[in-house]
Amino acid sequence: MLGFQQPITPALQDFMNAQYAMLNDFSRQAFQGAWKLNELHTRIAKSAWDESLKSVRQVAVSRDPYEAVSIVAAQAQPAAERVRHYQQEIVNIVADTQVALAKTAEVHVPNAGRTASAVVEGVARAEKEAGPAARQKAAEGAAKAQAAPKQPG
């Protein structure tokens, strides 16, 4: 099992918390958009079902084929209007979700950038403090690992 050689620094903890908060808010906004689309689909499906039943009942009680055709033809324009309205609602939901995601990014990206910079500065500072001696020791360890005879497997 692999473990961390060094403890998690406060800067790294802040960075991970900022990333978690940003992803959590993005997920929440995306889920709300999906929820709104689902509600729209459900509402439209119920409406289409009700309109279909109404049309079938009217056709069933029609007296001749011409009357039935005129009933069906009369439904074409309202159906087209409902489709256009449905498309517009989808566009509105997607646009609202996009705006919400952009606002979420505006809120979280500056903090994520600051915390990432703090992590990089901490790593650079630790590397500088470790100095050339630690790098030399690591290089020697790598050279010994490569020079060791390989076991036939």
Protein backbone atom coordinates (compact mmCIF):
# COMPACT_ATOMS: atom_id res chain seq x y z
CA MET A 1 0.00 0.00 0.00
CA LEU A 2 1.27 3.42 -0.91
CA GLY A 3 1.19 6.20 1.61
CA PHE A 4 2.02 9.88 1.67
CA GLN A 5 5.61 10.65 2.52
CA GLN A 6 4.70 14.12 3.73
CA PRO A 7 1.69 15.41 5.60
CA ILE A 8 -0.92 17.38 3.71
CA THR A 9 -0.07 21.03 4.05
CA PRO A 10 -2.71 23.62 4.92
CA ALA A 11 -2.28 25.12 1.43
CA LEU A 12 -2.95 21.74 -0.20
CA GLN A 13 -5.95 21.21 2.08
CA ASP A 14 -7.32 24.64 1.09
CA PHE A 15 -6.78 23.80 -2.58
CA MET A 16 -8.61 20.48 -2.28
CA ASN A 17 -11.48 22.16 -0.40
CA ALA A 18 -11.74 24.87 -3.08
CA GLN A 19 -11.80 22.25 -5.83
CA TYR A 20 -14.45 20.24 -4.00
CA ALA A 21 -16.64 23.30 -3.46
CA MET A 22 -16.36 24.30 -7.11
CA LEU A 23 -17.17 20.82 -8.42
CA ASN A 24 -20.03 20.52 -5.93
CA ASP A 25 -21.58 23.78 -7.11
CA PHE A 26 -21.08 22.88 -10.79
CA SER A 27 -22.75 19.53 -10.19
CA ARG A 28 -25.63 21.18 -8.37
CA GLN A 29 -26.23 23.64 -11.22
CA ALA A 30 -26.05 20.90 -13.87
CA PHE A 31 -28.42 18.70 -11.88
CA GLN A 32 -30.92 21.55 -11.52
CA GLY A 33 -30.85 22.05 -15.28
CA ALA A 34 -31.40 18.34 -15.86
CA TRP A 35 -34.24 18.39 -13.33
CA LYS A 36 -35.95 21.27 -15.16
CA LEU A 37 -35.60 19.41 -18.48
CA ASN A 38 -37.09 16.30 -16.90
CA GLU A 39 -40.06 18.28 -15.57
CA LEU A 40 -40.58 19.81 -19.01
CA HIS A 41 -40.49 16.40 -20.71
CA THR A 42 -42.95 14.98 -18.21
CA ARG A 43 -45.33 17.91 -18.62
CA ILE A 44 -45.13 17.75 -22.42
CA ALA A 45 -45.66 13.99 -22.49
CA LYS A 46 -48.78 14.30 -20.33
CA SER A 47 -50.09 17.14 -22.49
CA ALA A 48 -49.45 15.19 -25.71
CA TRP A 49 -51.20 12.15 -24.27
CA ASP A 50 -54.24 14.20 -23.26
CA GLU A 51 -54.43 15.90 -26.68
CA SER A 52 -54.11 12.54 -28.45
CA LEU A 53 -56.95 11.06 -26.40
CA LYS A 54 -59.12 14.10 -27.14
CA SER A 55 -58.44 13.78 -30.88
CA VAL A 56 -59.12 10.04 -30.89
CA ARG A 57 -62.44 10.59 -29.13
CA GLN A 58 -63.43 13.25 -31.66
CA VAL A 59 -62.47 11.03 -34.59
CA ALA A 60 -64.30 8.06 -33.05
CA VAL A 61 -67.59 9.97 -32.89
CA SER A 62 -67.24 11.54 -36.34
CA ARG A 63 -70.02 10.67 -38.79
CA ASP A 64 -68.01 10.24 -41.97
CA PRO A 65 -64.37 10.00 -43.15
CA TYR A 66 -64.30 13.62 -44.31
CA GLU A 67 -65.22 14.85 -40.85
CA ALA A 68 -62.50 12.62 -39.34
CA VAL A 69 -59.89 14.02 -41.74
CA SER A 70 -60.94 17.59 -40.95
CA ILE A 71 -60.65 16.88 -37.20
CA VAL A 72 -57.13 15.51 -37.65
CA ALA A 73 -56.14 18.39 -39.96
CA ALA A 74 -57.41 20.93 -37.43
CA GLN A 75 -54.96 19.51 -34.87
CA ALA A 76 -51.89 20.16 -37.05
CA GLN A 77 -51.51 23.89 -36.38
CA PRO A 78 -51.93 23.66 -32.58
CA ALA A 79 -49.49 20.72 -32.52
CA ALA A 80 -46.90 22.73 -34.44
CA GLU A 81 -47.33 25.62 -31.98
CA ARG A 82 -46.82 23.27 -29.05
CA VAL A 83 -43.61 21.93 -30.63
CA ARG A 84 -42.27 25.47 -31.11
CA HIS A 85 -43.14 26.31 -27.51
CA TYR A 86 -41.44 23.11 -26.32
CA GLN A 87 -38.28 23.98 -28.28
CA GLN A 88 -38.24 27.47 -26.81
CA GLU A 89 -38.58 26.12 -23.29
CA ILE A 90 -35.63 23.78 -23.88
CA VAL A 91 -33.53 26.68 -25.16
CA ASN A 92 -34.49 28.76 -22.10
CA ILE A 93 -33.60 25.98 -19.66
CA VAL A 94 -30.24 25.34 -21.33
CA ALA A 95 -29.45 29.07 -21.44
CA ASP A 96 -30.39 29.53 -17.77
CA THR A 97 -28.21 26.57 -16.81
CA GLN A 98 -25.31 27.97 -18.81
CA VAL A 99 -25.64 31.34 -17.08
CA ALA A 100 -25.76 29.63 -13.67
CA LEU A 101 -22.61 27.63 -14.50
CA ALA A 102 -20.82 30.79 -15.65
CA LYS A 103 -21.74 32.59 -12.42
CA THR A 104 -20.53 29.60 -10.43
CA ALA A 105 -17.22 29.73 -12.28
CA GLU A 106 -16.92 33.46 -11.62
CA VAL A 107 -17.32 32.78 -7.92
CA HIS A 108 -14.98 29.80 -7.61
CA VAL A 109 -12.19 30.19 -10.18
CA PRO A 110 -10.39 33.09 -8.44
CA ASN A 111 -10.22 31.18 -5.17
CA ALA A 112 -9.12 27.99 -6.97
CA GLY A 113 -6.35 29.96 -8.66
CA ARG A 114 -5.19 31.49 -5.38
CA THR A 115 -5.12 28.12 -3.62
CA ALA A 116 -3.28 26.49 -6.54
CA SER A 117 -0.68 29.26 -6.46
CA ALA A 118 -0.24 28.74 -2.73
CA VAL A 119 0.37 25.00 -3.27
CA VAL A 120 2.94 25.69 -6.00
CA GLU A 121 4.70 28.26 -3.83
CA GLY A 122 4.78 25.79 -0.94
CA VAL A 123 6.27 23.06 -3.10
CA ALA A 124 8.85 25.46 -4.53
CA ARG A 125 9.74 26.66 -1.03
CA ALA A 126 10.12 23.07 0.22
CA GLU A 127 12.28 22.20 -2.77
CA LYS A 128 14.45 25.24 -2.19
CA GLU A 129 14.83 24.40 1.50
CA ALA A 130 15.72 20.79 0.71
CA GLY A 131 18.56 22.09 -1.45
CA PRO A 132 21.01 20.34 -3.69
CA ALA A 133 21.89 17.70 -1.09
CA ALA A 134 18.40 16.16 -1.24
CA ARG A 135 18.45 16.16 -5.05
CA GLN A 136 21.89 14.50 -5.05
CA LYS A 137 20.65 11.83 -2.63
CA ALA A 138 17.59 11.14 -4.80
CA ALA A 139 19.75 10.88 -7.93
CA GLU A 140 22.12 8.44 -6.18
CA GLY A 141 19.16 6.31 -5.09
CA ALA A 142 17.86 6.19 -8.66
CA ALA A 143 21.31 5.26 -10.00
CA LYS A 144 21.63 2.41 -7.47
CA ALA A 145 18.19 1.09 -8.41
CA GLN A 146 19.17 0.97 -12.09
CA ALA A 147 22.57 -0.60 -11.38
CA ALA A 148 21.14 -3.40 -9.25
CA PRO A 149 21.17 -6.79 -11.04
CA LYS A 150 17.81 -7.84 -12.32
CA GLN A 151 16.36 -11.08 -11.05
CA PRO A 152 15.26 -13.49 -13.79
CA GLY A 153 11.52 -13.74 -13.71
